[in-house]
Amino acid sequence: MDDYLALSLLIMGIAIGALLVIWGAMSLYFFLRKKHRAKKIQERIVVREEAERKYREEQENQKTNDK
């Protein structure tokens, strides 16, 4: 009977360990994906601000040329 108890505890320990490894891998994946998404959004903001700056400069130049 003690052999079955030891074997079942060993199997449960392996199963719990596997679940912890899977949980850790998923957490790391979601963290890295969130970080990558934030980087992409930041790049889009920089591009948009640059385009707005160029547009404002063009508008200023048109106003000065019209006068």
N, C-alpha and C. Protein backbone atom coordinates (compact mmCIF):
# COMPACT_ATOMS: atom_id res chain seq x y z
N MET A 1 0.82 -1.20 0.00
CA MET A 1 0.00 0.00 0.00
C MET A 1 0.86 1.26 0.00
N ASP A 2 1.97 1.23 0.70
CA ASP A 2 2.85 2.39 0.75
C ASP A 2 3.45 2.69 -0.62
N ASP A 3 3.67 1.66 -1.42
CA ASP A 3 4.21 1.87 -2.76
C ASP A 3 3.22 2.65 -3.63
N TYR A 4 1.93 2.31 -3.51
CA TYR A 4 0.92 3.01 -4.30
C TYR A 4 0.78 4.46 -3.85
N LEU A 5 0.88 4.71 -2.57
CA LEU A 5 0.81 6.07 -2.04
C LEU A 5 2.00 6.89 -2.54
N ALA A 6 3.17 6.32 -2.47
CA ALA A 6 4.37 7.02 -2.94
C ALA A 6 4.28 7.28 -4.44
N LEU A 7 3.81 6.30 -5.18
CA LEU A 7 3.69 6.47 -6.63
C LEU A 7 2.66 7.54 -6.97
N SER A 8 1.52 7.53 -6.27
CA SER A 8 0.49 8.53 -6.56
C SER A 8 0.97 9.92 -6.17
N LEU A 9 1.69 10.05 -5.07
CA LEU A 9 2.24 11.35 -4.69
C LEU A 9 3.27 11.83 -5.71
N LEU A 10 4.07 10.93 -6.22
CA LEU A 10 5.05 11.28 -7.24
C LEU A 10 4.36 11.76 -8.51
N ILE A 11 3.34 11.04 -8.93
CA ILE A 11 2.60 11.42 -10.14
C ILE A 11 1.92 12.77 -9.94
N MET A 12 1.31 12.98 -8.76
CA MET A 12 0.67 14.28 -8.49
C MET A 12 1.71 15.40 -8.48
N GLY A 13 2.87 15.14 -7.93
CA GLY A 13 3.93 16.15 -7.91
C GLY A 13 4.39 16.51 -9.31
N ILE A 14 4.53 15.51 -10.15
CA ILE A 14 4.92 15.77 -11.54
C ILE A 14 3.83 16.55 -12.26
N ALA A 15 2.57 16.19 -12.03
CA ALA A 15 1.46 16.89 -12.68
C ALA A 15 1.40 18.34 -12.23
N ILE A 16 1.54 18.58 -10.94
CA ILE A 16 1.52 19.96 -10.43
C ILE A 16 2.71 20.74 -10.98
N GLY A 17 3.86 20.12 -11.04
CA GLY A 17 5.04 20.78 -11.62
C GLY A 17 4.83 21.14 -13.08
N ALA A 18 4.22 20.24 -13.83
CA ALA A 18 3.95 20.51 -15.24
C ALA A 18 2.97 21.67 -15.38
N LEU A 19 1.95 21.71 -14.53
CA LEU A 19 1.00 22.82 -14.59
C LEU A 19 1.67 24.15 -14.25
N LEU A 20 2.57 24.13 -13.28
CA LEU A 20 3.30 25.36 -12.94
C LEU A 20 4.19 25.83 -14.09
N VAL A 21 4.83 24.90 -14.76
CA VAL A 21 5.67 25.25 -15.92
C VAL A 21 4.81 25.85 -17.03
N ILE A 22 3.67 25.23 -17.30
CA ILE A 22 2.77 25.75 -18.35
C ILE A 22 2.26 27.13 -17.96
N TRP A 23 1.88 27.31 -16.70
CA TRP A 23 1.39 28.60 -16.24
C TRP A 23 2.48 29.68 -16.38
N GLY A 24 3.70 29.34 -16.01
CA GLY A 24 4.80 30.29 -16.13
C GLY A 24 5.10 30.65 -17.58
N ALA A 25 5.04 29.67 -18.46
CA ALA A 25 5.29 29.94 -19.88
C ALA A 25 4.20 30.84 -20.46
N MET A 26 2.96 30.59 -20.08
CA MET A 26 1.86 31.43 -20.58
C MET A 26 1.98 32.85 -20.04
N SER A 27 2.35 32.99 -18.78
CA SER A 27 2.52 34.32 -18.20
C SER A 27 3.63 35.08 -18.92
N LEU A 28 4.73 34.42 -19.19
CA LEU A 28 5.83 35.05 -19.91
C LEU A 28 5.41 35.45 -21.31
N TYR A 29 4.67 34.58 -21.99
CA TYR A 29 4.20 34.86 -23.35
C TYR A 29 3.30 36.10 -23.36
N PHE A 30 2.34 36.17 -22.43
CA PHE A 30 1.43 37.31 -22.42
C PHE A 30 2.16 38.59 -22.04
N PHE A 31 3.13 38.50 -21.13
CA PHE A 31 3.91 39.68 -20.76
C PHE A 31 4.70 40.21 -21.95
N LEU A 32 5.37 39.31 -22.67
CA LEU A 32 6.17 39.74 -23.82
C LEU A 32 5.29 40.29 -24.93
N ARG A 33 4.11 39.68 -25.13
CA ARG A 33 3.19 40.16 -26.16
C ARG A 33 2.69 41.56 -25.81
N LYS A 34 2.37 41.79 -24.54
CA LYS A 34 1.92 43.10 -24.09
C LYS A 34 3.02 44.14 -24.28
N LYS A 35 4.25 43.77 -23.94
CA LYS A 35 5.39 44.68 -24.09
C LYS A 35 5.61 45.02 -25.57
N HIS A 36 5.52 44.01 -26.44
CA HIS A 36 5.70 44.23 -27.87
C HIS A 36 4.60 45.14 -28.41
N ARG A 37 3.36 44.91 -27.96
CA ARG A 37 2.24 45.74 -28.41
C ARG A 37 2.43 47.19 -27.98
N ALA A 38 2.91 47.40 -26.76
CA ALA A 38 3.15 48.75 -26.27
C ALA A 38 4.23 49.44 -27.10
N LYS A 39 5.25 48.69 -27.49
CA LYS A 39 6.32 49.26 -28.32
C LYS A 39 5.77 49.67 -29.68
N LYS A 40 4.93 48.83 -30.28
CA LYS A 40 4.34 49.16 -31.58
C LYS A 40 3.47 50.41 -31.48
N ILE A 41 2.68 50.52 -30.41
CA ILE A 41 1.83 51.69 -30.23
C ILE A 41 2.68 52.94 -30.09
N GLN A 42 3.77 52.85 -29.33
CA GLN A 42 4.66 53.99 -29.16
C GLN A 42 5.26 54.42 -30.49
N GLU A 43 5.64 53.46 -31.33
CA GLU A 43 6.18 53.79 -32.65
C GLU A 43 5.13 54.49 -33.51
N ARG A 44 3.89 54.05 -33.44
CA ARG A 44 2.82 54.70 -34.21
C ARG A 44 2.59 56.12 -33.74
N ILE A 45 2.68 56.34 -32.42
CA ILE A 45 2.50 57.69 -31.89
C ILE A 45 3.60 58.61 -32.41
N VAL A 46 4.83 58.14 -32.45
CA VAL A 46 5.94 58.96 -32.95
C VAL A 46 5.72 59.31 -34.42
N VAL A 47 5.30 58.33 -35.22
CA VAL A 47 5.06 58.58 -36.64
C VAL A 47 3.92 59.58 -36.82
N ARG A 48 2.86 59.43 -36.03
CA ARG A 48 1.72 60.34 -36.14
C ARG A 48 2.10 61.76 -35.75
N GLU A 49 2.89 61.91 -34.67
CA GLU A 49 3.33 63.24 -34.25
C GLU A 49 4.21 63.89 -35.31
N GLU A 50 5.06 63.11 -35.95
CA GLU A 50 5.91 63.64 -37.01
C GLU A 50 5.06 64.11 -38.19
N ALA A 51 4.05 63.32 -38.55
CA ALA A 51 3.17 63.71 -39.66
C ALA A 51 2.39 64.98 -39.31
N GLU A 52 1.92 65.08 -38.07
CA GLU A 52 1.20 66.29 -37.66
C GLU A 52 2.12 67.51 -37.70
N ARG A 53 3.37 67.35 -37.29
CA ARG A 53 4.32 68.46 -37.31
C ARG A 53 4.56 68.93 -38.74
N LYS A 54 4.75 67.98 -39.66
CA LYS A 54 4.96 68.34 -41.06
C LYS A 54 3.73 69.04 -41.63
N TYR A 55 2.55 68.55 -41.28
CA TYR A 55 1.31 69.15 -41.78
C TYR A 55 1.19 70.59 -41.28
N ARG A 56 1.49 70.82 -40.00
CA ARG A 56 1.41 72.18 -39.46
C ARG A 56 2.42 73.10 -40.13
N GLU A 57 3.62 72.59 -40.41
CA GLU A 57 4.62 73.40 -41.10
C GLU A 57 4.14 73.77 -42.49
N GLU A 58 3.52 72.81 -43.19
CA GLU A 58 3.00 73.11 -44.53
C GLU A 58 1.89 74.14 -44.46
N GLN A 59 1.03 74.05 -43.46
CA GLN A 59 -0.04 75.03 -43.30
C GLN A 59 0.53 76.41 -43.02
N GLU A 60 1.56 76.47 -42.18
CA GLU A 60 2.21 77.76 -41.88
C GLU A 60 2.83 78.34 -43.15
N ASN A 61 3.49 77.50 -43.94
CA ASN A 61 4.12 77.97 -45.18
C ASN A 61 3.07 78.47 -46.16
N GLN A 62 1.94 77.79 -46.25
CA GLN A 62 0.88 78.24 -47.16
C GLN A 62 0.30 79.57 -46.70
N LYS A 63 0.15 79.75 -45.41
CA LYS A 63 -0.38 81.02 -44.89
C LYS A 63 0.58 82.16 -45.19
N THR A 64 1.87 81.92 -45.02
CA THR A 64 2.84 82.99 -45.28
C THR A 64 2.95 83.26 -46.78
N ASN A 65 2.78 82.25 -47.62
CA ASN A 65 2.84 82.45 -49.06
C ASN A 65 1.60 83.16 -49.58
N ASP A 66 0.46 82.95 -48.94
CA ASP A 66 -0.79 83.59 -49.37
C ASP A 66 -0.78 85.08 -49.06
N LYS A 67 -0.04 85.49 -48.06
CA LYS A 67 -0.02 86.91 -47.67
C LYS A 67 0.84 87.66 -48.59
